[in-house]
Amino acid sequence: MKIDRARAQKAFADYAAHYNAADAKVKLKIDHTYRVAALCARIAQSLALPPEDVDLAWLSGILHDVGRFEQLRAIIDRVQLRDRIGVCLDTCHVWDAGYDIAGDLDGVLAEFDRVIGLGRLHAVHLNNSLNPCGSHKDRHAKLLDGCIPPEALVRVTRHPALAELPFILETPNDDAGYAQEIAWLRAAQN
């Protein structure tokens, strides 16, 4: 089945219309979404994936920043090839969406499993947030510099339900900063 990109773009535009596009932060977020979608498609093309998988990669880029688990479920339910849909859990996104991964990680993962299914979870983006839980802003922070207690991020990396998943460090850093965060994470695992 071919994904109708025009329809997906219209759906995203309809969603984004609820926000003030004249606000520089909102415009940046909208532009970022389109860039992520284009990059996902380019990566899929570089892997010589078939056209329908390139379209699926592009669609996952458009949908990369959905907030509540129910929103993701509603999107998954509308996809005809839903058995091919996987999800990446972003610690900043879930925190900013109001899921308290610091105080109730087990409960958050149980809710994710109930609404989406842990079987759909394919990766974790590990980062902190500049905002308090439930702020609905999505502002990534370095692991030790945000509102999510660093020990909570360590618990995420150690959680049995996530143990076999790839973790992708997605913090606003340079190479030296990434190296420091990786060293900190390795030390915290012991």
Protein backbone atom coordinates (compact mmCIF):
# COMPACT_ATOMS: atom_id res chain seq x y z
CA MET A 1 0.00 0.00 0.00
CA LYS A 2 1.29 3.44 -0.93
CA ILE A 3 1.18 6.16 1.72
CA ASP A 4 -0.59 9.30 0.57
CA ARG A 5 1.95 11.97 1.49
CA ALA A 6 -0.38 14.83 0.54
CA ARG A 7 -3.04 13.47 2.90
CA ALA A 8 -0.48 13.03 5.70
CA GLN A 9 0.84 16.57 5.16
CA LYS A 10 -2.70 17.92 5.27
CA ALA A 11 -3.40 16.02 8.51
CA PHE A 12 -0.21 17.44 10.04
CA ALA A 13 -1.08 20.94 8.80
CA ASP A 14 -4.56 20.60 10.33
CA TYR A 15 -2.97 19.53 13.62
CA ALA A 16 -0.42 22.39 13.51
CA ALA A 17 -3.17 24.92 12.71
CA HIS A 18 -4.22 24.72 16.37
CA TYR A 19 -1.00 26.54 17.26
CA ASN A 20 0.18 30.06 16.47
CA ALA A 21 2.57 29.62 13.53
CA ALA A 22 3.67 33.25 13.95
CA ASP A 23 5.31 32.22 17.23
CA ALA A 24 8.98 31.56 16.40
CA LYS A 25 9.09 28.43 18.61
CA VAL A 26 6.01 26.95 16.95
CA LYS A 27 7.38 27.71 13.48
CA LEU A 28 10.69 26.10 14.45
CA LYS A 29 8.84 22.97 15.62
CA ILE A 30 6.79 22.73 12.42
CA ASP A 31 9.88 23.24 10.23
CA HIS A 32 11.76 20.68 12.35
CA THR A 33 9.03 18.10 11.74
CA TYR A 34 9.27 18.47 7.97
CA ARG A 35 13.09 18.26 8.14
CA VAL A 36 12.93 15.08 10.24
CA ALA A 37 10.48 13.53 7.75
CA ALA A 38 12.74 14.38 4.81
CA LEU A 39 15.80 12.99 6.61
CA CYS A 40 13.95 9.76 7.49
CA ALA A 41 13.09 9.31 3.81
CA ARG A 42 16.70 10.04 2.77
CA ILE A 43 18.02 7.47 5.23
CA ALA A 44 15.54 4.86 3.95
CA GLN A 45 16.55 5.64 0.36
CA SER A 46 20.24 5.37 1.22
CA LEU A 47 19.52 1.89 2.58
CA ALA A 48 17.92 1.01 -0.78
CA LEU A 49 14.61 0.22 0.87
CA PRO A 50 11.57 -0.29 -1.36
CA PRO A 51 9.44 2.80 -2.10
CA GLU A 52 6.68 1.81 0.34
CA ASP A 53 9.26 1.59 3.15
CA VAL A 54 10.69 4.98 2.16
CA ASP A 55 7.17 6.39 2.44
CA LEU A 56 6.70 4.70 5.81
CA ALA A 57 10.00 6.18 7.03
CA TRP A 58 8.86 9.61 5.84
CA LEU A 59 5.54 9.18 7.68
CA SER A 60 7.33 8.16 10.87
CA GLY A 61 9.28 11.42 10.62
CA ILE A 62 6.07 13.43 10.33
CA LEU A 63 4.72 11.61 13.39
CA HIS A 64 7.94 11.65 15.41
CA ASP A 65 6.76 14.21 17.93
CA VAL A 66 3.33 13.05 19.00
CA GLY A 67 2.63 13.70 22.69
CA ARG A 68 0.19 11.37 24.41
CA PHE A 69 0.15 7.61 23.96
CA GLU A 70 -3.50 7.80 22.91
CA GLN A 71 -2.55 10.10 20.02
CA LEU A 72 -0.06 7.54 18.80
CA ARG A 73 -2.61 4.74 19.16
CA ALA A 74 -5.14 6.72 17.11
CA ILE A 75 -2.57 7.17 14.35
CA ILE A 76 -1.53 3.51 14.41
CA ASP A 77 -5.18 2.44 14.19
CA ARG A 78 -5.60 4.44 10.97
CA VAL A 79 -2.67 2.77 9.21
CA GLN A 80 -3.54 -0.19 7.01
CA LEU A 81 -0.11 -1.82 7.44
CA ARG A 82 -0.08 -1.28 11.20
CA ASP A 83 1.88 -4.49 11.77
CA ARG A 84 4.87 -2.63 10.26
CA ILE A 85 4.62 0.35 12.63
CA GLY A 86 7.13 0.65 15.46
CA VAL A 87 7.59 3.36 18.05
CA CYS A 88 10.56 5.12 19.62
CA LEU A 89 10.10 6.30 23.20
CA ASP A 90 11.75 9.68 23.81
CA THR A 91 12.32 10.43 27.50
CA CYS A 92 11.95 14.21 27.03
CA HIS A 93 8.78 13.81 24.96
CA VAL A 94 7.04 11.52 27.45
CA TRP A 95 8.09 13.70 30.39
CA ASP A 96 6.91 16.90 28.71
CA ALA A 97 3.67 15.11 27.73
CA GLY A 98 2.99 14.52 31.43
CA TYR A 99 4.21 10.97 32.02
CA ASP A 100 6.20 10.92 35.28
CA ILE A 101 9.08 8.61 34.39
CA ALA A 102 10.93 9.82 37.50
CA GLY A 103 8.23 8.94 40.01
CA ASP A 104 6.39 6.08 38.31
CA LEU A 105 8.39 4.50 35.47
CA ASP A 106 6.65 1.15 35.95
CA GLY A 107 3.26 2.85 35.70
CA VAL A 108 4.26 4.80 32.60
CA LEU A 109 5.48 1.64 30.87
CA ALA A 110 2.33 -0.22 31.94
CA GLU A 111 0.24 2.58 30.39
CA PHE A 112 2.35 2.46 27.23
CA ASP A 113 1.83 -1.31 27.06
CA ARG A 114 -1.93 -0.94 27.62
CA VAL A 115 -2.39 1.76 24.98
CA ILE A 116 0.25 0.94 22.34
CA GLY A 117 1.89 -2.33 23.35
CA LEU A 118 5.50 -2.80 24.40
CA GLY A 119 5.92 -5.06 21.36
CA ARG A 120 5.76 -1.94 19.18
CA LEU A 121 8.59 -0.27 21.11
CA HIS A 122 11.77 -0.49 19.02
CA ALA A 123 14.13 2.11 20.52
CA VAL A 124 14.57 4.74 23.23
CA HIS A 125 15.81 8.29 22.74
CA LEU A 126 17.57 9.16 26.00
CA ASN A 127 17.64 12.81 26.93
CA ASN A 128 16.57 15.21 29.65
CA SER A 129 14.07 18.07 29.51
CA LEU A 130 14.44 21.76 30.24
CA ASN A 131 10.82 21.74 31.47
CA PRO A 132 8.82 20.31 34.35
CA CYS A 133 6.73 17.21 33.76
CA GLY A 134 3.59 17.99 31.77
CA SER A 135 4.84 21.25 30.24
CA HIS A 136 4.04 20.13 26.64
CA LYS A 137 7.09 21.94 25.27
CA ASP A 138 9.71 19.34 24.15
CA ARG A 139 12.95 21.15 24.94
CA HIS A 140 15.78 18.63 25.13
CA ALA A 141 18.52 19.01 27.73
CA LYS A 142 21.79 17.30 28.55
CA LEU A 143 21.39 14.27 30.81
CA LEU A 144 22.65 16.04 33.94
CA ASP A 145 21.15 19.47 33.21
CA GLY A 146 17.39 19.07 33.05
CA CYS A 147 14.26 18.62 35.12
CA ILE A 148 14.27 14.81 34.96
CA PRO A 149 16.44 13.60 37.86
CA PRO A 150 19.53 11.91 36.37
CA GLU A 151 18.98 8.83 38.54
CA ALA A 152 15.57 8.44 36.86
CA LEU A 153 17.27 8.34 33.46
CA VAL A 154 19.58 5.61 34.78
CA ARG A 155 16.49 3.65 35.91
CA VAL A 156 15.12 3.97 32.37
CA THR A 157 18.30 2.41 30.95
CA ARG A 158 18.13 -0.42 33.51
CA HIS A 159 14.42 -1.21 33.25
CA PRO A 160 13.86 -4.88 32.30
CA ALA A 161 11.17 -3.99 29.74
CA LEU A 162 13.67 -1.79 27.89
CA ALA A 163 16.88 -3.78 28.43
CA GLU A 164 17.08 -5.28 24.93
CA LEU A 165 16.27 -2.05 23.06
CA PRO A 166 18.80 0.29 21.46
CA PHE A 167 19.23 3.58 23.32
CA ILE A 168 20.08 6.67 21.30
CA LEU A 169 21.63 9.58 23.14
CA GLU A 170 19.77 12.63 21.85
CA THR A 171 21.02 15.60 23.82
CA PRO A 172 22.15 19.07 22.71
CA ASN A 173 25.86 18.29 22.78
CA ASP A 174 29.11 18.22 20.88
CA ASP A 175 31.32 15.11 20.58
CA ALA A 176 33.13 15.83 23.85
CA GLY A 177 29.81 16.29 25.64
CA TYR A 178 28.48 13.01 24.27
CA ALA A 179 31.65 11.25 25.42
CA GLN A 180 31.18 12.66 28.94
CA GLU A 181 27.53 11.57 29.04
CA ILE A 182 28.39 8.07 27.81
CA ALA A 183 31.11 7.79 30.45
CA TRP A 184 28.66 8.96 33.12
CA LEU A 185 26.05 6.43 31.96
CA ARG A 186 28.57 3.59 31.98
CA ALA A 187 29.73 4.51 35.49
CA ALA A 188 26.11 4.76 36.67
CA GLN A 189 25.38 1.22 35.40
CA ASN A 190 27.84 -0.25 37.92
